Protein backbone atom coordinates (compact mmCIF):
# COMPACT_ATOMS: atom_id res chain seq x y z
CA MET A 1 -0.43 0.79 13.25
CA GLN A 2 1.84 1.76 10.39
CA THR A 3 5.41 0.59 9.85
CA SER A 4 6.20 3.11 7.08
CA LEU A 5 7.90 0.26 5.19
CA ALA A 6 5.81 0.62 2.01
CA THR A 7 6.79 2.80 -0.94
CA THR A 8 5.42 6.34 -1.24
CA GLN A 9 2.88 4.89 -3.71
CA GLY A 10 1.75 2.37 -1.08
CA ALA A 11 3.40 -0.69 -2.62
CA VAL A 12 4.74 -3.63 -0.63
CA THR A 13 8.53 -3.73 -0.19
CA ASP A 14 10.85 -6.57 0.73
CA ARG A 15 11.43 -4.88 4.11
CA LEU A 16 7.68 -4.89 4.77
CA ILE A 17 7.47 -8.59 3.92
CA LYS A 18 10.43 -9.37 6.17
CA HIS A 19 8.82 -7.41 9.03
CA TYR A 20 5.62 -9.48 8.93
CA VAL A 21 7.27 -12.83 8.21
CA GLN A 22 9.53 -12.43 11.25
CA ARG A 23 6.49 -11.81 13.44
CA SER A 24 4.36 -14.57 11.90
CA LYS A 25 6.45 -17.31 13.50
CA GLU A 26 5.19 -16.55 17.01
CA VAL A 27 1.52 -15.64 16.56
CA SER A 28 -1.70 -17.30 15.49
CA LEU A 29 -2.88 -14.44 13.24
CA ILE A 30 -1.20 -11.51 11.49
CA ILE A 31 -3.20 -8.32 11.00
CA VAL A 32 -1.38 -6.27 8.38
CA GLU A 33 -1.29 -2.56 9.15
CA HIS A 34 -3.93 -0.03 8.18
CA SER A 35 -3.94 0.30 4.41
CA TYR A 36 -5.58 3.15 2.57
CA VAL A 37 -8.35 2.35 0.11
CA SER A 38 -8.25 5.66 -1.76
CA PRO A 39 -5.41 8.10 -2.44
CA ASP A 40 -7.40 10.91 -0.81
CA GLY A 41 -7.62 8.86 2.39
CA LYS A 42 -3.90 8.42 2.93
CA LEU A 43 -2.56 9.31 6.37
CA GLY A 44 1.17 8.53 6.24
CA HIS A 45 3.90 9.15 3.67
CA LYS A 46 4.88 5.47 3.31
CA GLN A 47 1.55 3.96 4.30
CA LEU A 48 0.58 0.64 2.73
CA GLY A 49 -2.03 0.96 0.00
CA ILE A 50 -4.80 -1.30 -1.24
CA TYR A 51 -6.45 1.15 -3.65
CA ASP A 52 -5.28 0.02 -7.08
CA ASP A 53 -4.88 -3.24 -9.02
CA SER A 54 -1.19 -2.42 -9.56
CA LEU A 55 -0.65 -3.16 -5.84
CA VAL A 56 -2.12 -6.68 -5.99
CA TYR A 57 1.13 -8.44 -6.93
CA GLY A 58 2.96 -7.13 -3.84
CA LEU A 59 0.02 -7.83 -1.56
CA LYS A 60 -0.17 -11.41 -2.87
CA LYS A 61 3.57 -11.80 -2.29
CA LEU A 62 3.13 -10.51 1.27
CA SER A 63 0.23 -12.83 2.07
CA SER A 64 1.93 -15.84 0.46
CA SER A 65 5.09 -15.23 2.48
CA ILE A 66 3.10 -15.13 5.71
CA HIS A 67 1.03 -18.18 4.74
CA ALA A 68 4.29 -20.06 4.08
CA LYS A 69 4.83 -19.88 7.86
CA GLU A 70 1.35 -21.44 8.27
CA THR A 71 0.00 -18.24 9.78
CA PRO A 72 -3.37 -16.78 8.73
CA VAL A 73 -3.33 -13.14 7.64
CA VAL A 74 -5.86 -10.34 7.22
CA ILE A 75 -5.40 -6.70 6.25
CA GLN A 76 -6.89 -3.66 7.95
CA ILE A 77 -8.38 -1.27 5.42
CA ASN A 78 -9.07 2.37 6.14
CA HIS A 79 -9.69 5.87 4.87
CA ALA A 80 -8.31 8.62 7.07
CA GLY A 81 -11.28 10.91 6.40
CA GLY A 82 -10.80 14.31 8.02
CA ALA A 83 -7.47 13.17 9.43
CA ALA A 84 -6.02 12.57 5.94
CA ASN A 85 -2.76 14.43 5.48
CA VAL A 86 -3.32 17.26 2.99
CA GLU A 87 0.43 17.57 2.38
CA ILE A 88 0.47 13.91 1.29
CA THR A 89 -2.84 13.65 -0.60
CA GLY A 90 -2.85 17.07 -2.19
CA THR A 91 -6.57 17.36 -1.46
């Protein structure tokens, strides 16, 4: 699943946080969408990233916002492999 609510660099946005916080009120676990672990494994234009330390602040803000609703959270990591979008990755 991908909401396309991240930036084009894969960073967390306020809209992405709002999306997950709204859903965290009614469930016992949030699984945050597939997040690419390497720029060459990106599948979608505004896919969430988890490939660089510069993204940590936003990811912490996302997890803290969900935890504030007393909901556990995990993140799905992936690399699109052969399905990676060449137009997006450039490779």
